[in-house]
Amino acid sequence: MIGSLVYSQFLPGQSWLHRLDPRCKLILLGGLTIGLFYLHQPPAQLLLFGLVCLLPLTVGVPVKMLRPAFLGVLPLGLLTLIFQAGWGPPPSWHHLSLSGLEEGGLLALRLLDLALLAQLLALTTSPIGLCDAAEQILYPLSKVGLPHRDLALSFTIAWRFIPVLAQETEKLLKSQVSRGAAWEEGPWHRRLLTLTALLTPLTIRCFRYAEELAVALEARGYGQSSQPTRLYPLRWRWSDGLVLLAGALVMVGLIAGERTF
């Protein structure tokens, strides 16, 4: 069901990844994302993918909580692999491009790495911590007149509204099925028309949630102070710096290693 494809659920815990500063997690995720596209050899990509797969085991995250990361990018990864293999450059094997297969597989591994890392970020970071971290990272934008607080809040709300919209869509699908709608049967165009009937009630509920959220923010005085106070201020510890340094060394080592060999 749609509920199993939710990325932004927070799983409280006391692991080392939970205790990291959210700013460290966001910076580390951004650095690894950039570094992924500097890796062009299968051994380096496979080694990094193995390290990423080991991370959940060190923080006690159930494997079933990572299933959405695979299911979410699997169609895109397969589609990329098919296009690369079918229309890639020679040499070919049974009308399949060997270099295209390699490039498609590397891109699929990159997508899986990013999906797993994003899932771990969501599982181990509270919404408030994520919003505060994004606000402080985007602070330089305020120097050019951009509302960094509003951008951070919008990002966090959009991220955390994914499970809400997924649950609402699942409720609407169940209500349609109870009324006789066969959205899983018949030709694809008929099922598509059945699913488009969900857009109107889902849009209305989205606007209703947006109005309730706006009223809640206004009632709590959002935007009334340029220096808001925080119940749990972020604190950068020496362990955050060590983890950030370790992540940088791993990525630099992989990039330098594949260029050397």
Protein backbone atom coordinates (compact mmCIF):
# COMPACT_ATOMS: atom_id res chain seq x y z
CA MET A 1 0.00 0.00 0.00
CA ILE A 2 0.93 3.65 -0.28
CA GLY A 3 1.60 3.81 3.42
CA SER A 4 4.60 1.51 2.96
CA LEU A 5 6.24 4.03 0.64
CA VAL A 6 6.61 6.76 3.25
CA TYR A 7 10.04 8.32 3.58
CA SER A 8 9.69 10.90 6.30
CA GLN A 9 8.89 8.97 9.47
CA PHE A 10 10.94 9.79 12.57
CA LEU A 11 12.09 6.84 14.68
CA PRO A 12 13.26 8.03 18.13
CA GLY A 13 16.39 6.38 19.48
CA GLN A 14 19.69 6.85 21.31
CA SER A 15 22.14 5.65 18.66
CA TRP A 16 25.23 7.60 17.61
CA LEU A 17 23.42 8.77 14.48
CA HIS A 18 20.45 10.02 16.50
CA ARG A 19 22.78 12.01 18.75
CA LEU A 20 24.59 13.73 15.88
CA ASP A 21 23.90 17.39 15.28
CA PRO A 22 21.31 17.74 12.47
CA ARG A 23 23.59 20.26 10.77
CA CYS A 24 26.30 17.62 10.60
CA LYS A 25 23.87 15.17 9.01
CA LEU A 26 22.73 17.66 6.37
CA ILE A 27 26.29 18.70 5.51
CA LEU A 28 27.38 15.07 5.36
CA LEU A 29 24.45 14.16 3.12
CA GLY A 30 25.21 17.05 0.79
CA GLY A 31 28.90 16.17 0.61
CA LEU A 32 28.23 12.49 -0.08
CA THR A 33 25.70 13.43 -2.75
CA ILE A 34 28.29 15.53 -4.55
CA GLY A 35 30.99 12.91 -4.10
CA LEU A 36 28.80 10.15 -5.55
CA PHE A 37 28.97 11.74 -8.98
CA TYR A 38 32.77 11.79 -8.90
CA LEU A 39 32.88 7.99 -8.63
CA HIS A 40 32.88 6.36 -12.05
CA GLN A 41 34.26 2.87 -11.39
CA PRO A 42 32.11 -0.10 -10.26
CA PRO A 43 34.44 -1.24 -7.41
CA ALA A 44 34.32 2.16 -5.70
CA GLN A 45 30.55 2.41 -6.13
CA LEU A 46 30.00 -1.09 -4.78
CA LEU A 47 32.28 -0.43 -1.79
CA LEU A 48 30.41 2.78 -0.95
CA PHE A 49 27.06 1.02 -1.37
CA GLY A 50 28.20 -1.67 1.05
CA LEU A 51 29.24 0.95 3.61
CA VAL A 52 25.88 2.70 3.28
CA CYS A 53 24.05 -0.61 3.76
CA LEU A 54 26.03 -1.22 6.97
CA LEU A 55 24.97 2.08 8.52
CA PRO A 56 21.44 0.94 9.53
CA LEU A 57 22.94 -2.02 11.39
CA THR A 58 24.99 0.33 13.57
CA VAL A 59 22.01 2.45 14.61
CA GLY A 60 19.45 -0.30 15.22
CA VAL A 61 17.06 0.69 12.44
CA PRO A 62 14.78 -2.21 11.39
CA VAL A 63 15.33 -3.39 7.85
CA LYS A 64 11.61 -3.03 7.06
CA MET A 65 11.93 0.72 7.68
CA LEU A 66 14.38 0.92 4.78
CA ARG A 67 12.10 -0.87 2.32
CA PRO A 68 10.57 2.42 1.05
CA ALA A 69 14.03 3.59 0.00
CA PHE A 70 14.39 0.61 -2.35
CA LEU A 71 10.80 0.56 -3.56
CA GLY A 72 10.81 4.29 -4.25
CA VAL A 73 13.83 4.32 -6.58
CA LEU A 74 13.49 0.82 -8.02
CA PRO A 75 11.24 1.82 -10.98
CA LEU A 76 13.48 4.77 -11.86
CA GLY A 77 16.61 2.65 -11.54
CA LEU A 78 15.21 -0.10 -13.77
CA LEU A 79 14.00 2.43 -16.34
CA THR A 80 17.43 4.06 -16.44
CA LEU A 81 19.13 0.69 -16.81
CA ILE A 82 16.83 -0.30 -19.68
CA PHE A 83 17.41 2.94 -21.60
CA GLN A 84 21.16 2.86 -21.06
CA ALA A 85 21.43 -0.79 -22.13
CA GLY A 86 19.16 -0.44 -25.15
CA TRP A 87 20.49 2.79 -26.62
CA GLY A 88 24.02 2.96 -25.26
CA PRO A 89 27.23 3.05 -27.34
CA PRO A 90 29.02 -0.11 -28.55
CA PRO A 91 30.38 -2.70 -27.84
CA SER A 92 27.16 -4.66 -27.65
CA TRP A 93 26.08 -8.10 -26.51
CA HIS A 94 22.78 -9.42 -27.91
CA HIS A 95 21.72 -5.84 -28.82
CA LEU A 96 22.57 -4.65 -25.29
CA SER A 97 25.24 -2.01 -24.82
CA LEU A 98 27.87 -3.21 -22.33
CA SER A 99 28.98 0.33 -21.47
CA GLY A 100 25.32 1.31 -21.19
CA LEU A 101 24.72 -1.53 -18.73
CA GLU A 102 27.66 -0.34 -16.66
CA GLU A 103 26.54 3.30 -16.69
CA GLY A 104 22.95 2.34 -15.91
CA GLY A 105 24.03 0.11 -13.04
CA LEU A 106 26.24 2.86 -11.58
CA LEU A 107 23.40 5.37 -11.79
CA ALA A 108 21.03 2.90 -10.12
CA LEU A 109 23.57 2.43 -7.30
CA ARG A 110 23.82 6.19 -6.89
CA LEU A 111 20.04 6.46 -6.60
CA LEU A 112 19.95 3.66 -4.02
CA ASP A 113 22.71 5.31 -1.99
CA LEU A 114 20.90 8.64 -1.98
CA ALA A 115 17.58 7.01 -1.10
CA LEU A 116 19.10 5.08 1.81
CA LEU A 117 20.92 8.13 3.15
CA ALA A 118 17.80 10.28 2.90
CA GLN A 119 15.79 7.58 4.65
CA LEU A 120 18.32 7.38 7.48
CA LEU A 121 18.25 11.15 7.83
CA ALA A 122 14.48 11.11 8.18
CA LEU A 123 14.46 8.17 10.59
CA THR A 124 17.10 9.60 12.93
CA THR A 125 16.34 13.35 12.88
CA SER A 126 13.38 15.05 14.56
CA PRO A 127 11.33 17.53 12.49
CA ILE A 128 12.29 20.43 14.78
CA GLY A 129 15.98 19.57 14.58
CA LEU A 130 15.82 19.26 10.81
CA CYS A 131 14.08 22.64 10.51
CA ASP A 132 16.58 24.37 12.82
CA ALA A 133 19.53 22.83 10.97
CA ALA A 134 18.20 23.86 7.56
CA GLU A 135 17.54 27.38 8.88
CA GLN A 136 21.11 27.81 10.10
CA ILE A 137 22.65 26.30 6.96
CA LEU A 138 20.56 28.63 4.78
CA TYR A 139 21.41 31.68 6.91
CA PRO A 140 23.87 33.11 4.31
CA LEU A 141 20.90 33.57 1.97
CA SER A 142 19.56 36.24 4.32
CA LYS A 143 22.54 38.41 3.35
CA VAL A 144 21.07 38.73 -0.15
CA GLY A 145 17.54 39.37 1.06
CA LEU A 146 16.12 35.85 0.86
CA PRO A 147 13.90 34.60 3.73
CA HIS A 148 16.04 31.73 4.98
CA ARG A 149 13.69 30.90 7.89
CA ASP A 150 10.69 30.62 5.57
CA LEU A 151 12.66 28.48 3.12
CA ALA A 152 13.76 26.12 5.90
CA LEU A 153 10.23 25.85 7.29
CA SER A 154 8.78 25.23 3.81
CA PHE A 155 11.33 22.48 3.17
CA THR A 156 10.60 20.79 6.50
CA ILE A 157 6.82 21.03 6.10
CA ALA A 158 6.97 19.61 2.58
CA TRP A 159 9.21 16.78 3.80
CA ARG A 160 6.98 15.90 6.76
CA PHE A 161 3.73 16.18 4.82
CA ILE A 162 4.64 13.23 2.61
CA PRO A 163 3.27 10.62 5.07
CA VAL A 164 0.15 12.73 5.69
CA LEU A 165 -0.66 12.95 1.99
CA ALA A 166 0.14 9.24 1.53
CA GLN A 167 -2.29 8.31 4.31
CA GLU A 168 -4.99 10.60 2.90
CA THR A 169 -4.56 9.09 -0.55
CA GLU A 170 -4.85 5.59 0.89
CA LYS A 171 -8.03 6.55 2.75
CA LEU A 172 -9.55 7.97 -0.43
CA LEU A 173 -8.62 4.84 -2.37
CA LYS A 174 -10.26 2.62 0.23
CA SER A 175 -13.39 4.78 0.23
CA GLN A 176 -13.56 4.57 -3.57
CA VAL A 177 -13.17 0.79 -3.45
CA SER A 178 -15.93 0.50 -0.83
CA ARG A 179 -18.20 2.39 -3.25
CA GLY A 180 -17.47 -0.03 -6.09
CA ALA A 181 -14.56 1.64 -7.88
CA ALA A 182 -12.27 -1.00 -9.44
CA TRP A 183 -9.05 0.97 -9.73
CA GLU A 184 -6.92 -2.20 -9.83
CA GLU A 185 -8.94 -3.90 -12.56
CA GLY A 186 -9.56 -3.24 -16.24
CA PRO A 187 -7.34 -1.61 -18.88
CA TRP A 188 -4.75 0.95 -17.87
CA HIS A 189 -6.67 3.96 -19.23
CA ARG A 190 -9.76 3.08 -17.18
CA ARG A 191 -7.66 2.71 -14.04
CA LEU A 192 -6.02 6.05 -14.79
CA LEU A 193 -9.41 7.73 -15.04
CA THR A 194 -10.40 6.18 -11.73
CA LEU A 195 -7.26 7.50 -10.06
CA THR A 196 -7.78 11.00 -11.46
CA ALA A 197 -11.07 11.09 -9.57
CA LEU A 198 -8.97 11.27 -6.40
CA LEU A 199 -7.35 14.55 -7.35
CA THR A 200 -10.28 16.80 -6.44
CA PRO A 201 -10.88 15.51 -2.87
CA LEU A 202 -7.13 15.21 -2.27
CA THR A 203 -6.57 18.81 -3.41
CA ILE A 204 -9.38 20.02 -1.13
CA ARG A 205 -7.84 18.21 1.83
CA CYS A 206 -4.42 19.67 1.03
CA PHE A 207 -5.83 23.20 1.09
CA ARG A 208 -7.64 22.40 4.34
CA TYR A 209 -4.42 21.17 5.94
CA ALA A 210 -2.59 24.24 4.66
CA GLU A 211 -5.19 26.56 6.17
CA GLU A 212 -5.06 24.77 9.53
CA LEU A 213 -1.27 24.94 9.51
CA ALA A 214 -1.31 28.66 8.70
CA VAL A 215 -3.71 29.32 11.58
CA ALA A 216 -1.53 27.26 13.95
CA LEU A 217 1.62 29.15 12.95
CA GLU A 218 -0.11 32.50 13.36
CA ALA A 219 -1.49 31.50 16.77
CA ARG A 220 2.03 30.59 17.91
CA GLY A 221 3.45 33.94 16.80
CA TYR A 222 5.54 32.70 13.90
CA GLY A 223 7.38 35.57 12.23
CA GLN A 224 6.81 38.04 15.07
CA SER A 225 10.45 37.96 16.19
CA SER A 226 13.65 38.09 14.18
CA GLN A 227 15.49 36.16 16.92
CA PRO A 228 13.19 33.32 18.05
CA THR A 229 14.05 31.27 21.10
CA ARG A 230 14.39 27.49 20.92
CA LEU A 231 13.55 24.90 23.52
CA TYR A 232 16.36 22.61 22.36
CA PRO A 233 19.16 24.70 20.78
CA LEU A 234 21.59 22.89 18.50
CA ARG A 235 25.04 22.19 19.90
CA TRP A 236 28.01 21.13 17.79
CA ARG A 237 30.14 18.54 19.61
CA TRP A 238 33.56 17.12 18.92
CA SER A 239 31.93 13.85 17.80
CA ASP A 240 30.11 15.73 15.03
CA GLY A 241 33.40 17.02 13.70
CA LEU A 242 34.93 13.52 13.83
CA VAL A 243 32.03 11.97 11.91
CA LEU A 244 32.17 14.76 9.32
CA LEU A 245 35.91 14.28 8.95
CA ALA A 246 35.52 10.50 8.65
CA GLY A 247 32.90 10.87 5.93
CA ALA A 248 35.11 13.29 4.02
CA LEU A 249 38.12 10.98 4.30
CA VAL A 250 36.12 7.98 3.07
CA MET A 251 34.82 9.86 0.03
CA VAL A 252 38.22 11.40 -0.80
CA GLY A 253 39.85 8.00 -0.39
CA LEU A 254 37.41 6.35 -2.78
CA ILE A 255 37.82 9.10 -5.40
CA ALA A 256 41.62 9.05 -5.13
CA GLY A 257 41.70 5.25 -5.11
CA GLU A 258 39.76 4.78 -8.34
CA ARG A 259 41.85 7.42 -10.10
CA THR A 260 45.05 5.74 -8.93
CA PHE A 261 44.09 2.23 -9.99
